[in-house]
Amino acid sequence: MQGASSGVGYGLKYQARCISDVRADTDHTSFLTGTLSLKEENEVHLIRLSSGGTELVCEGLFSHPNEIWDLRSCPFDQRIFSTVYSSGESFGAAVWQIPELYGQLNSPQLEKIASLDSLVGKINCVLWWPSGKHEKLISIDQENIFSWNLDCSKKVSQVQSQESAGMLHYLSGGAWDPHDVNAVAATCESSVQFWDLRTMKYVTLFI
């Protein structure tokens, strides 16, 4: 490439598939990223843009037991995040908490707050309530949308409601409506389904 690069880079030990901004960290520009290695122990990196904006600095490096396919930071607590992971044979999801660092780079193990263990299919993503302190999550697998209540203090999660997209539909991802906390959009093959979380029903829009 000709000329000098104006970008800021950060190197990972293994391949990564996902990255999340840490919205709850209002004092810094921070990100969480997770690696995707089939044979090696995977890692979650907490990285932060330096005050001068000239480099990305690793603020924490944590072991993660499986390949990370999806990672989302909690919008109200910078130490909490969720991952969707694969063991090579099956998929799962969990909510984790970063331990207190006390200036350490290589810190203790991540603390698992809760497993989202009522999943029945290949989970694709986990969505946090988009704003404010609400311990509510949405998980989307190939055929279902689950609404969860999460109690971080008691370290438990419970399915609040569930609905199937139907045997002929395969969900691949989703996003919370930024203007309506009762609505989630999900991609489904050649269509987008908008779900009303109060009734767990959807309207399909073809694209």
N, C-alpha and C. Protein backbone atom coordinates (compact mmCIF):
# COMPACT_ATOMS: atom_id res chain seq x y z
N MET A 1 0.86 -1.19 0.00
CA MET A 1 0.00 0.00 0.00
C MET A 1 0.89 1.24 0.00
N GLN A 2 0.54 2.20 -0.82
CA GLN A 2 1.33 3.42 -0.94
C GLN A 2 0.97 4.39 0.19
N GLY A 3 1.98 5.10 0.68
CA GLY A 3 1.73 6.12 1.69
C GLY A 3 1.66 5.56 3.08
N ALA A 4 1.66 6.44 4.05
CA ALA A 4 1.60 6.04 5.45
C ALA A 4 0.17 5.75 5.87
N SER A 5 0.02 4.79 6.76
CA SER A 5 -1.31 4.45 7.26
C SER A 5 -1.70 5.40 8.39
N SER A 6 -2.96 5.83 8.38
CA SER A 6 -3.44 6.73 9.42
C SER A 6 -4.28 5.98 10.45
N GLY A 7 -4.41 4.65 10.29
CA GLY A 7 -5.23 3.87 11.20
C GLY A 7 -4.47 3.44 12.45
N VAL A 8 -5.21 2.92 13.42
CA VAL A 8 -4.65 2.40 14.66
C VAL A 8 -4.96 0.91 14.70
N GLY A 9 -3.95 0.08 14.96
CA GLY A 9 -4.13 -1.36 14.92
C GLY A 9 -3.87 -2.03 16.25
N TYR A 10 -4.38 -3.28 16.36
CA TYR A 10 -4.14 -4.11 17.54
C TYR A 10 -4.09 -5.55 17.08
N GLY A 11 -3.08 -6.29 17.51
CA GLY A 11 -2.90 -7.66 17.05
C GLY A 11 -3.45 -8.68 18.02
N LEU A 12 -4.12 -9.72 17.49
CA LEU A 12 -4.64 -10.82 18.28
C LEU A 12 -3.82 -12.07 18.01
N LYS A 13 -3.78 -12.96 18.99
CA LYS A 13 -3.04 -14.21 18.84
C LYS A 13 -3.73 -15.17 17.89
N TYR A 14 -5.08 -15.17 17.94
CA TYR A 14 -5.86 -16.06 17.09
C TYR A 14 -6.88 -15.25 16.29
N GLN A 15 -7.49 -15.90 15.33
CA GLN A 15 -8.50 -15.26 14.50
C GLN A 15 -9.70 -14.84 15.35
N ALA A 16 -10.29 -13.71 15.02
CA ALA A 16 -11.47 -13.21 15.73
C ALA A 16 -12.62 -13.02 14.75
N ARG A 17 -13.83 -13.25 15.25
CA ARG A 17 -15.02 -13.12 14.42
C ARG A 17 -15.93 -11.99 14.90
N CYS A 18 -15.78 -11.57 16.15
CA CYS A 18 -16.74 -10.60 16.69
C CYS A 18 -16.05 -9.57 17.58
N ILE A 19 -16.64 -8.39 17.63
CA ILE A 19 -16.15 -7.30 18.47
C ILE A 19 -17.36 -6.50 18.94
N SER A 20 -17.28 -5.96 20.15
CA SER A 20 -18.37 -5.18 20.71
C SER A 20 -17.83 -3.93 21.36
N ASP A 21 -18.50 -2.82 21.15
CA ASP A 21 -18.15 -1.62 21.90
C ASP A 21 -18.64 -1.78 23.33
N VAL A 22 -17.91 -1.16 24.27
CA VAL A 22 -18.31 -1.20 25.68
C VAL A 22 -19.02 0.11 25.98
N ARG A 23 -20.32 0.13 25.74
CA ARG A 23 -21.08 1.38 25.87
C ARG A 23 -21.15 1.88 27.30
N ALA A 24 -21.09 0.97 28.25
CA ALA A 24 -21.20 1.38 29.66
C ALA A 24 -19.96 2.09 30.16
N ASP A 25 -18.85 1.98 29.45
CA ASP A 25 -17.62 2.69 29.82
C ASP A 25 -17.69 4.09 29.22
N THR A 26 -18.20 5.02 29.99
CA THR A 26 -18.41 6.38 29.49
C THR A 26 -17.16 7.24 29.55
N ASP A 27 -16.11 6.73 30.19
CA ASP A 27 -14.88 7.51 30.33
C ASP A 27 -13.83 7.19 29.27
N HIS A 28 -13.98 6.07 28.58
CA HIS A 28 -12.99 5.64 27.60
C HIS A 28 -13.66 5.09 26.36
N THR A 29 -12.88 4.97 25.28
CA THR A 29 -13.33 4.26 24.07
C THR A 29 -12.80 2.84 24.19
N SER A 30 -13.68 1.92 24.57
CA SER A 30 -13.27 0.55 24.87
C SER A 30 -14.04 -0.45 24.02
N PHE A 31 -13.40 -1.60 23.80
CA PHE A 31 -14.00 -2.67 23.02
C PHE A 31 -13.68 -4.02 23.65
N LEU A 32 -14.55 -4.99 23.41
CA LEU A 32 -14.29 -6.38 23.74
C LEU A 32 -14.29 -7.18 22.45
N THR A 33 -13.30 -8.05 22.30
CA THR A 33 -13.27 -8.92 21.13
C THR A 33 -12.94 -10.34 21.58
N GLY A 34 -13.47 -11.34 20.87
CA GLY A 34 -13.27 -12.73 21.24
C GLY A 34 -12.73 -13.54 20.08
N THR A 35 -11.87 -14.51 20.38
CA THR A 35 -11.20 -15.27 19.33
C THR A 35 -11.96 -16.55 18.97
N LEU A 36 -11.55 -17.12 17.86
CA LEU A 36 -12.26 -18.26 17.27
C LEU A 36 -11.23 -19.30 16.83
N SER A 37 -10.69 -20.01 17.81
CA SER A 37 -9.71 -21.04 17.52
C SER A 37 -10.28 -22.41 17.85
N LEU A 38 -10.17 -23.34 16.92
CA LEU A 38 -10.74 -24.67 17.13
C LEU A 38 -9.90 -25.51 18.09
N LYS A 39 -8.59 -25.34 18.04
CA LYS A 39 -7.70 -26.21 18.81
C LYS A 39 -7.09 -25.57 20.05
N GLU A 40 -6.99 -24.23 20.07
CA GLU A 40 -6.35 -23.55 21.18
C GLU A 40 -7.39 -22.97 22.14
N GLU A 41 -6.94 -22.64 23.36
CA GLU A 41 -7.84 -22.00 24.31
C GLU A 41 -8.10 -20.57 23.85
N ASN A 42 -9.35 -20.22 23.74
CA ASN A 42 -9.71 -18.91 23.20
C ASN A 42 -9.60 -17.82 24.24
N GLU A 43 -9.65 -16.57 23.74
CA GLU A 43 -9.39 -15.41 24.59
C GLU A 43 -10.42 -14.32 24.35
N VAL A 44 -10.70 -13.57 25.40
CA VAL A 44 -11.45 -12.32 25.32
C VAL A 44 -10.48 -11.20 25.65
N HIS A 45 -10.38 -10.21 24.77
CA HIS A 45 -9.49 -9.08 24.96
C HIS A 45 -10.31 -7.82 25.26
N LEU A 46 -9.96 -7.15 26.33
CA LEU A 46 -10.51 -5.82 26.62
C LEU A 46 -9.49 -4.81 26.14
N ILE A 47 -9.84 -4.05 25.12
CA ILE A 47 -8.90 -3.10 24.53
C ILE A 47 -9.47 -1.68 24.62
N ARG A 48 -8.56 -0.72 24.73
CA ARG A 48 -8.97 0.66 24.96
C ARG A 48 -8.12 1.60 24.12
N LEU A 49 -8.76 2.59 23.53
CA LEU A 49 -8.04 3.61 22.77
C LEU A 49 -7.33 4.54 23.75
N SER A 50 -6.04 4.77 23.50
CA SER A 50 -5.26 5.62 24.39
C SER A 50 -5.82 7.05 24.40
N SER A 51 -5.47 7.79 25.43
CA SER A 51 -5.99 9.15 25.58
C SER A 51 -5.61 10.04 24.40
N GLY A 52 -4.45 9.75 23.79
CA GLY A 52 -4.04 10.54 22.63
C GLY A 52 -4.61 10.03 21.32
N GLY A 53 -5.30 8.88 21.38
CA GLY A 53 -5.91 8.31 20.18
C GLY A 53 -4.91 7.73 19.21
N THR A 54 -3.72 7.40 19.71
CA THR A 54 -2.67 6.92 18.81
C THR A 54 -2.46 5.42 18.85
N GLU A 55 -3.03 4.74 19.86
CA GLU A 55 -2.84 3.29 19.94
C GLU A 55 -3.98 2.64 20.70
N LEU A 56 -4.18 1.33 20.43
CA LEU A 56 -5.13 0.52 21.16
C LEU A 56 -4.35 -0.30 22.18
N VAL A 57 -4.75 -0.20 23.43
CA VAL A 57 -4.00 -0.82 24.53
C VAL A 57 -4.84 -1.94 25.14
N CYS A 58 -4.20 -3.07 25.40
CA CYS A 58 -4.88 -4.19 26.06
C CYS A 58 -5.00 -3.89 27.55
N GLU A 59 -6.24 -3.82 28.05
CA GLU A 59 -6.49 -3.56 29.46
C GLU A 59 -6.79 -4.84 30.23
N GLY A 60 -7.05 -5.94 29.52
CA GLY A 60 -7.35 -7.20 30.17
C GLY A 60 -7.39 -8.32 29.16
N LEU A 61 -6.87 -9.49 29.55
CA LEU A 61 -6.84 -10.66 28.67
C LEU A 61 -7.36 -11.84 29.47
N PHE A 62 -8.42 -12.49 28.96
CA PHE A 62 -9.13 -13.51 29.72
C PHE A 62 -9.31 -14.78 28.89
N SER A 63 -9.16 -15.92 29.54
CA SER A 63 -9.38 -17.19 28.86
C SER A 63 -10.87 -17.46 28.72
N HIS A 64 -11.23 -18.03 27.58
CA HIS A 64 -12.62 -18.42 27.31
C HIS A 64 -12.59 -19.86 26.81
N PRO A 65 -13.44 -20.74 27.35
CA PRO A 65 -13.28 -22.17 27.08
C PRO A 65 -13.60 -22.62 25.66
N ASN A 66 -14.32 -21.85 24.87
CA ASN A 66 -14.76 -22.32 23.55
C ASN A 66 -14.62 -21.24 22.49
N GLU A 67 -14.83 -21.64 21.22
CA GLU A 67 -14.82 -20.69 20.12
C GLU A 67 -15.94 -19.66 20.30
N ILE A 68 -15.61 -18.39 20.16
CA ILE A 68 -16.60 -17.33 20.36
C ILE A 68 -17.16 -16.88 19.02
N TRP A 69 -18.46 -17.08 18.84
CA TRP A 69 -19.13 -16.74 17.59
C TRP A 69 -19.92 -15.43 17.67
N ASP A 70 -20.25 -15.01 18.89
CA ASP A 70 -20.98 -13.75 19.07
C ASP A 70 -20.61 -13.21 20.44
N LEU A 71 -20.41 -11.89 20.53
CA LEU A 71 -20.05 -11.25 21.79
C LEU A 71 -20.75 -9.91 21.86
N ARG A 72 -21.44 -9.67 22.98
CA ARG A 72 -22.16 -8.40 23.18
C ARG A 72 -21.90 -7.87 24.58
N SER A 73 -21.52 -6.62 24.68
CA SER A 73 -21.28 -6.00 25.98
C SER A 73 -22.59 -5.52 26.59
N CYS A 74 -22.69 -5.66 27.91
CA CYS A 74 -23.86 -5.19 28.64
C CYS A 74 -23.94 -3.66 28.56
N PRO A 75 -25.09 -3.09 28.26
CA PRO A 75 -25.18 -1.63 28.09
C PRO A 75 -25.12 -0.84 29.38
N PHE A 76 -25.28 -1.50 30.55
CA PHE A 76 -25.29 -0.74 31.80
C PHE A 76 -24.18 -1.12 32.77
N ASP A 77 -23.37 -2.14 32.45
CA ASP A 77 -22.27 -2.53 33.32
C ASP A 77 -21.09 -2.93 32.44
N GLN A 78 -20.01 -2.18 32.49
CA GLN A 78 -18.88 -2.40 31.60
C GLN A 78 -18.13 -3.71 31.86
N ARG A 79 -18.39 -4.34 33.00
CA ARG A 79 -17.70 -5.59 33.32
C ARG A 79 -18.49 -6.83 32.91
N ILE A 80 -19.68 -6.64 32.38
CA ILE A 80 -20.55 -7.78 32.03
C ILE A 80 -20.73 -7.86 30.52
N PHE A 81 -20.71 -9.08 29.99
CA PHE A 81 -20.93 -9.29 28.56
C PHE A 81 -21.46 -10.71 28.33
N SER A 82 -21.96 -10.94 27.14
CA SER A 82 -22.46 -12.27 26.78
C SER A 82 -21.66 -12.81 25.61
N THR A 83 -21.58 -14.13 25.53
CA THR A 83 -20.97 -14.79 24.37
C THR A 83 -21.86 -15.92 23.89
N VAL A 84 -21.83 -16.14 22.59
CA VAL A 84 -22.33 -17.37 21.99
C VAL A 84 -21.10 -18.16 21.58
N TYR A 85 -21.04 -19.41 21.94
CA TYR A 85 -19.83 -20.18 21.73
C TYR A 85 -20.14 -21.57 21.19
N SER A 86 -19.12 -22.17 20.60
CA SER A 86 -19.23 -23.51 20.06
C SER A 86 -18.13 -24.38 20.63
N SER A 87 -18.49 -25.59 21.02
CA SER A 87 -17.51 -26.56 21.48
C SER A 87 -17.01 -27.44 20.35
N GLY A 88 -17.47 -27.17 19.13
CA GLY A 88 -17.15 -28.00 17.97
C GLY A 88 -18.27 -28.95 17.63
N GLU A 89 -19.08 -29.31 18.64
CA GLU A 89 -20.20 -30.22 18.44
C GLU A 89 -21.54 -29.54 18.70
N SER A 90 -21.56 -28.56 19.59
CA SER A 90 -22.81 -27.90 19.94
C SER A 90 -22.55 -26.44 20.27
N PHE A 91 -23.63 -25.65 20.27
CA PHE A 91 -23.55 -24.23 20.58
C PHE A 91 -24.20 -23.95 21.92
N GLY A 92 -23.70 -22.93 22.60
CA GLY A 92 -24.27 -22.49 23.86
C GLY A 92 -24.11 -21.00 24.01
N ALA A 93 -24.64 -20.46 25.10
CA ALA A 93 -24.52 -19.03 25.37
C ALA A 93 -24.44 -18.81 26.87
N ALA A 94 -23.73 -17.77 27.26
CA ALA A 94 -23.57 -17.47 28.68
C ALA A 94 -23.33 -15.98 28.88
N VAL A 95 -23.56 -15.54 30.10
CA VAL A 95 -23.27 -14.17 30.52
C VAL A 95 -22.10 -14.23 31.48
N TRP A 96 -21.10 -13.36 31.27
CA TRP A 96 -19.86 -13.38 32.02
C TRP A 96 -19.62 -12.04 32.70
N GLN A 97 -18.78 -12.09 33.74
CA GLN A 97 -18.34 -10.86 34.40
C GLN A 97 -16.83 -10.82 34.46
N ILE A 98 -16.26 -9.68 34.08
CA ILE A 98 -14.82 -9.48 34.17
C ILE A 98 -14.45 -9.23 35.63
N PRO A 99 -13.46 -9.93 36.15
CA PRO A 99 -13.06 -9.70 37.55
C PRO A 99 -12.39 -8.34 37.70
N GLU A 100 -12.30 -7.89 38.93
CA GLU A 100 -11.58 -6.65 39.20
C GLU A 100 -10.12 -6.82 38.80
N LEU A 101 -9.59 -5.87 38.02
CA LEU A 101 -8.25 -6.02 37.46
C LEU A 101 -7.15 -5.56 38.40
N TYR A 102 -7.37 -4.49 39.14
CA TYR A 102 -6.37 -3.95 40.06
C TYR A 102 -5.01 -3.76 39.37
N GLY A 103 -5.06 -3.27 38.13
CA GLY A 103 -3.83 -2.99 37.40
C GLY A 103 -3.19 -4.20 36.75
N GLN A 104 -3.78 -5.38 36.88
CA GLN A 104 -3.20 -6.57 36.28
C GLN A 104 -3.64 -6.69 34.83
N LEU A 105 -2.74 -7.15 33.97
CA LEU A 105 -3.09 -7.39 32.58
C LEU A 105 -3.65 -8.79 32.42
N ASN A 106 -2.92 -9.79 32.89
CA ASN A 106 -3.41 -11.15 32.87
C ASN A 106 -4.13 -11.41 34.19
N SER A 107 -5.44 -11.32 34.16
CA SER A 107 -6.24 -11.34 35.36
C SER A 107 -6.79 -12.74 35.63
N PRO A 108 -7.50 -12.92 36.75
CA PRO A 108 -8.14 -14.20 37.02
C PRO A 108 -9.17 -14.57 35.96
N GLN A 109 -9.69 -15.78 36.07
CA GLN A 109 -10.65 -16.29 35.10
C GLN A 109 -11.92 -15.44 35.09
N LEU A 110 -12.58 -15.42 33.94
CA LEU A 110 -13.89 -14.79 33.85
C LEU A 110 -14.85 -15.51 34.78
N GLU A 111 -15.76 -14.75 35.35
CA GLU A 111 -16.78 -15.33 36.23
C GLU A 111 -18.07 -15.52 35.43
N LYS A 112 -18.58 -16.74 35.37
CA LYS A 112 -19.83 -16.99 34.66
C LYS A 112 -21.00 -16.60 35.55
N ILE A 113 -21.80 -15.66 35.08
CA ILE A 113 -22.97 -15.21 35.83
C ILE A 113 -24.13 -16.17 35.62
N ALA A 114 -24.36 -16.55 34.37
CA ALA A 114 -25.48 -17.44 34.07
C ALA A 114 -25.30 -18.07 32.70
N SER A 115 -25.82 -19.27 32.55
CA SER A 115 -25.87 -19.94 31.25
C SER A 115 -27.28 -19.80 30.70
N LEU A 116 -27.37 -19.56 29.41
CA LEU A 116 -28.68 -19.53 28.74
C LEU A 116 -28.91 -20.95 28.22
N ASP A 117 -29.33 -21.83 29.13
CA ASP A 117 -29.28 -23.27 28.87
C ASP A 117 -30.60 -23.90 28.45
N SER A 118 -31.59 -23.08 28.08
CA SER A 118 -32.85 -23.65 27.59
C SER A 118 -32.92 -23.61 26.07
N LEU A 119 -31.77 -23.41 25.45
CA LEU A 119 -31.72 -23.30 24.00
C LEU A 119 -31.89 -24.67 23.37
N VAL A 120 -32.62 -24.72 22.27
CA VAL A 120 -32.91 -26.01 21.64
C VAL A 120 -32.28 -26.14 20.27
N GLY A 121 -31.80 -25.06 19.70
CA GLY A 121 -31.22 -25.11 18.36
C GLY A 121 -29.85 -24.47 18.33
N LYS A 122 -29.35 -24.24 17.15
CA LYS A 122 -28.05 -23.58 16.97
C LYS A 122 -28.24 -22.08 17.20
N ILE A 123 -27.79 -21.60 18.34
CA ILE A 123 -27.98 -20.20 18.68
C ILE A 123 -27.08 -19.32 17.83
N ASN A 124 -27.62 -18.19 17.39
CA ASN A 124 -26.88 -17.28 16.53
C ASN A 124 -26.43 -16.01 17.25
N CYS A 125 -27.26 -15.47 18.13
CA CYS A 125 -26.89 -14.22 18.78
C CYS A 125 -27.69 -13.99 20.06
N VAL A 126 -27.15 -13.11 20.90
CA VAL A 126 -27.82 -12.64 22.11
C VAL A 126 -27.91 -11.13 22.02
N LEU A 127 -29.08 -10.57 22.36
CA LEU A 127 -29.31 -9.12 22.30
C LEU A 127 -29.65 -8.62 23.70
N TRP A 128 -28.96 -7.55 24.12
CA TRP A 128 -29.28 -6.90 25.38
C TRP A 128 -30.34 -5.83 25.18
N TRP A 129 -31.16 -5.61 26.22
CA TRP A 129 -32.09 -4.48 26.23
C TRP A 129 -31.30 -3.23 25.84
N PRO A 130 -31.77 -2.44 24.86
CA PRO A 130 -30.92 -1.42 24.23
C PRO A 130 -30.50 -0.24 25.09
N SER A 131 -31.23 0.06 26.15
CA SER A 131 -30.85 1.23 26.94
C SER A 131 -31.33 1.08 28.37
N GLY A 132 -30.67 1.78 29.27
CA GLY A 132 -31.06 1.73 30.66
C GLY A 132 -30.65 0.44 31.34
N LYS A 133 -30.89 0.36 32.64
CA LYS A 133 -30.53 -0.83 33.40
C LYS A 133 -31.71 -1.79 33.45
N HIS A 134 -31.77 -2.66 32.46
CA HIS A 134 -32.81 -3.68 32.39
C HIS A 134 -32.13 -5.02 32.17
N GLU A 135 -32.32 -5.94 33.09
CA GLU A 135 -31.68 -7.25 32.97
C GLU A 135 -32.56 -8.17 32.13
N LYS A 136 -32.70 -7.78 30.88
CA LYS A 136 -33.51 -8.54 29.95
C LYS A 136 -32.69 -8.81 28.69
N LEU A 137 -32.77 -10.04 28.22
CA LEU A 137 -32.02 -10.46 27.04
C LEU A 137 -32.95 -11.14 26.05
N ILE A 138 -32.52 -11.11 24.79
CA ILE A 138 -33.16 -11.89 23.73
C ILE A 138 -32.11 -12.81 23.13
N SER A 139 -32.44 -14.07 22.97
CA SER A 139 -31.56 -14.98 22.24
C SER A 139 -32.29 -15.49 21.00
N ILE A 140 -31.54 -15.63 19.92
CA ILE A 140 -32.12 -16.07 18.65
C ILE A 140 -31.35 -17.29 18.17
N ASP A 141 -32.06 -18.41 18.02
CA ASP A 141 -31.44 -19.57 17.39
C ASP A 141 -32.07 -19.76 16.01
N GLN A 142 -31.80 -20.87 15.37
CA GLN A 142 -32.26 -21.04 14.00
C GLN A 142 -33.78 -21.02 13.87
N GLU A 143 -34.49 -21.43 14.88
CA GLU A 143 -35.94 -21.57 14.76
C GLU A 143 -36.74 -20.81 15.80
N ASN A 144 -36.08 -20.24 16.82
CA ASN A 144 -36.82 -19.66 17.95
C ASN A 144 -36.24 -18.33 18.40
N ILE A 145 -37.12 -17.55 19.03
CA ILE A 145 -36.71 -16.35 19.77
C ILE A 145 -37.11 -16.55 21.22
N PHE A 146 -36.14 -16.37 22.13
CA PHE A 146 -36.38 -16.48 23.56
C PHE A 146 -36.24 -15.11 24.20
N SER A 147 -37.12 -14.81 25.14
CA SER A 147 -36.98 -13.63 25.99
C SER A 147 -36.58 -14.11 27.38
N TRP A 148 -35.50 -13.52 27.92
CA TRP A 148 -34.93 -13.95 29.19
C TRP A 148 -34.99 -12.85 30.24
N ASN A 149 -35.16 -13.25 31.48
CA ASN A 149 -34.91 -12.38 32.62
C ASN A 149 -33.62 -12.82 33.26
N LEU A 150 -32.72 -11.88 33.48
CA LEU A 150 -31.41 -12.16 34.05
C LEU A 150 -31.27 -11.45 35.39
N ASP A 151 -30.89 -12.20 36.42
CA ASP A 151 -30.63 -11.61 37.72
C ASP A 151 -29.13 -11.76 38.00
N CYS A 152 -28.38 -10.69 37.77
CA CYS A 152 -26.93 -10.75 37.92
C CYS A 152 -26.52 -10.97 39.36
N SER A 153 -27.26 -10.40 40.30
CA SER A 153 -26.89 -10.54 41.71
C SER A 153 -27.06 -11.97 42.20
N LYS A 154 -28.08 -12.66 41.72
CA LYS A 154 -28.33 -14.05 42.13
C LYS A 154 -27.71 -15.06 41.16
N LYS A 155 -27.18 -14.55 40.05
CA LYS A 155 -26.53 -15.38 39.04
C LYS A 155 -27.47 -16.46 38.48
N VAL A 156 -28.65 -16.01 38.08
CA VAL A 156 -29.62 -16.94 37.48
C VAL A 156 -30.25 -16.26 36.26
N SER A 157 -30.68 -17.09 35.32
CA SER A 157 -31.42 -16.61 34.15
C SER A 157 -32.64 -17.50 33.97
N GLN A 158 -33.71 -16.92 33.50
CA GLN A 158 -34.96 -17.64 33.34
C GLN A 158 -35.66 -17.22 32.07
N VAL A 159 -36.18 -18.19 31.33
CA VAL A 159 -36.93 -17.89 30.11
C VAL A 159 -38.26 -17.26 30.49
N GLN A 160 -38.52 -16.08 29.94
CA GLN A 160 -39.78 -15.40 30.20
C GLN A 160 -40.82 -15.80 29.16
N SER A 161 -40.39 -15.89 27.91
CA SER A 161 -41.30 -16.30 26.84
C SER A 161 -40.48 -16.84 25.68
N GLN A 162 -41.15 -17.61 24.83
CA GLN A 162 -40.50 -18.24 23.68
C GLN A 162 -41.50 -18.35 22.55
N GLU A 163 -41.01 -18.18 21.34
CA GLU A 163 -41.86 -18.39 20.17
C GLU A 163 -41.04 -18.94 19.03
N SER A 164 -41.66 -19.80 18.23
CA SER A 164 -40.98 -20.42 17.11
C SER A 164 -41.26 -19.63 15.83
N ALA A 165 -40.25 -19.56 14.98
CA ALA A 165 -40.43 -18.92 13.68
C ALA A 165 -41.13 -19.84 12.70
N GLY A 166 -41.28 -21.10 13.05
CA GLY A 166 -41.93 -22.06 12.16
C GLY A 166 -40.92 -23.00 11.53
N MET A 167 -41.35 -24.18 11.22
CA MET A 167 -40.46 -25.22 10.72
C MET A 167 -39.81 -24.85 9.39
N LEU A 168 -40.46 -24.00 8.61
CA LEU A 168 -39.94 -23.67 7.28
C LEU A 168 -39.08 -22.40 7.30
N HIS A 169 -38.87 -21.82 8.46
CA HIS A 169 -38.08 -20.59 8.57
C HIS A 169 -36.82 -20.84 9.37
N TYR A 170 -35.73 -20.20 8.97
CA TYR A 170 -34.46 -20.34 9.67
C TYR A 170 -33.90 -18.95 9.98
N LEU A 171 -33.90 -18.60 11.25
CA LEU A 171 -33.42 -17.30 11.68
C LEU A 171 -31.89 -17.29 11.70
N SER A 172 -31.31 -16.15 11.35
CA SER A 172 -29.85 -16.07 11.30
C SER A 172 -29.27 -14.94 12.15
N GLY A 173 -30.08 -13.97 12.55
CA GLY A 173 -29.57 -12.86 13.34
C GLY A 173 -30.68 -11.90 13.71
N GLY A 174 -30.34 -10.86 14.45
CA GLY A 174 -31.37 -9.91 14.85
C GLY A 174 -30.80 -8.64 15.44
N ALA A 175 -31.70 -7.66 15.64
CA ALA A 175 -31.33 -6.37 16.24
C ALA A 175 -32.55 -5.80 16.94
N TRP A 176 -32.30 -5.20 18.10
CA TRP A 176 -33.38 -4.55 18.84
C TRP A 176 -33.73 -3.23 18.17
N ASP A 177 -35.02 -2.92 18.09
CA ASP A 177 -35.46 -1.64 17.53
C ASP A 177 -34.97 -0.53 18.45
N PRO A 178 -34.15 0.42 17.95
CA PRO A 178 -33.62 1.47 18.82
C PRO A 178 -34.67 2.46 19.29
N HIS A 179 -35.86 2.44 18.68
CA HIS A 179 -36.91 3.40 19.03
C HIS A 179 -38.08 2.75 19.74
N ASP A 180 -38.10 1.43 19.83
CA ASP A 180 -39.21 0.72 20.45
C ASP A 180 -38.66 -0.51 21.16
N VAL A 181 -38.61 -0.48 22.49
CA VAL A 181 -38.02 -1.59 23.24
C VAL A 181 -38.89 -2.84 23.21
N ASN A 182 -40.07 -2.74 22.64
CA ASN A 182 -40.95 -3.91 22.54
C ASN A 182 -40.84 -4.60 21.18
N ALA A 183 -39.88 -4.20 20.37
CA ALA A 183 -39.77 -4.76 19.02
C ALA A 183 -38.35 -5.21 18.72
N VAL A 184 -38.24 -6.35 18.06
CA VAL A 184 -36.96 -6.88 17.60
C VAL A 184 -37.12 -7.29 16.15
N ALA A 185 -36.11 -6.97 15.33
CA ALA A 185 -36.10 -7.40 13.93
C ALA A 185 -35.16 -8.60 13.81
N ALA A 186 -35.60 -9.60 13.06
CA ALA A 186 -34.78 -10.80 12.87
C ALA A 186 -34.66 -11.11 11.39
N THR A 187 -33.45 -11.45 10.95
CA THR A 187 -33.26 -11.86 9.57
C THR A 187 -33.64 -13.32 9.43
N CYS A 188 -34.32 -13.62 8.33
CA CYS A 188 -34.84 -14.96 8.11
C CYS A 188 -34.81 -15.25 6.62
N GLU A 189 -33.70 -15.87 6.17
CA GLU A 189 -33.51 -16.17 4.75
C GLU A 189 -33.69 -14.90 3.92
N SER A 190 -34.70 -14.83 3.06
CA SER A 190 -34.87 -13.66 2.19
C SER A 190 -35.87 -12.66 2.75
N SER A 191 -36.12 -12.71 4.05
CA SER A 191 -37.08 -11.80 4.65
C SER A 191 -36.56 -11.27 5.98
N VAL A 192 -37.25 -10.25 6.48
CA VAL A 192 -37.00 -9.71 7.81
C VAL A 192 -38.29 -9.84 8.60
N GLN A 193 -38.21 -10.40 9.79
CA GLN A 193 -39.37 -10.55 10.65
C GLN A 193 -39.28 -9.52 11.78
N PHE A 194 -40.32 -8.73 11.95
CA PHE A 194 -40.40 -7.81 13.08
C PHE A 194 -41.28 -8.44 14.15
N TRP A 195 -40.68 -8.64 15.33
CA TRP A 195 -41.37 -9.32 16.42
C TRP A 195 -41.83 -8.32 17.47
N ASP A 196 -43.08 -8.47 17.91
CA ASP A 196 -43.61 -7.72 19.04
C ASP A 196 -43.36 -8.56 20.29
N LEU A 197 -42.49 -8.09 21.18
CA LEU A 197 -42.09 -8.88 22.34
C LEU A 197 -43.20 -9.01 23.38
N ARG A 198 -44.22 -8.17 23.29
CA ARG A 198 -45.33 -8.29 24.23
C ARG A 198 -46.21 -9.48 23.90
N THR A 199 -46.34 -9.79 22.62
CA THR A 199 -47.17 -10.92 22.19
C THR A 199 -46.34 -12.06 21.61
N MET A 200 -45.04 -11.80 21.35
CA MET A 200 -44.14 -12.76 20.71
C MET A 200 -44.70 -13.23 19.36
N LYS A 201 -45.26 -12.29 18.61
CA LYS A 201 -45.76 -12.54 17.26
C LYS A 201 -44.99 -11.66 16.29
N TYR A 202 -44.97 -12.06 15.02
CA TYR A 202 -44.19 -11.30 14.05
C TYR A 202 -44.97 -11.00 12.79
N VAL A 203 -44.48 -9.96 12.08
CA VAL A 203 -44.94 -9.61 10.75
C VAL A 203 -43.75 -9.75 9.83
N THR A 204 -43.89 -10.45 8.72
CA THR A 204 -42.77 -10.68 7.81
C THR A 204 -42.76 -9.66 6.69
N LEU A 205 -41.59 -9.02 6.50
CA LEU A 205 -41.41 -8.10 5.39
C LEU A 205 -40.40 -8.71 4.44
N PHE A 206 -40.75 -8.91 3.19
CA PHE A 206 -39.83 -9.50 2.23
C PHE A 206 -38.85 -8.45 1.69
N ILE A 207 -37.61 -8.88 1.51
CA ILE A 207 -36.60 -7.96 0.98
C ILE A 207 -35.94 -8.55 -0.24
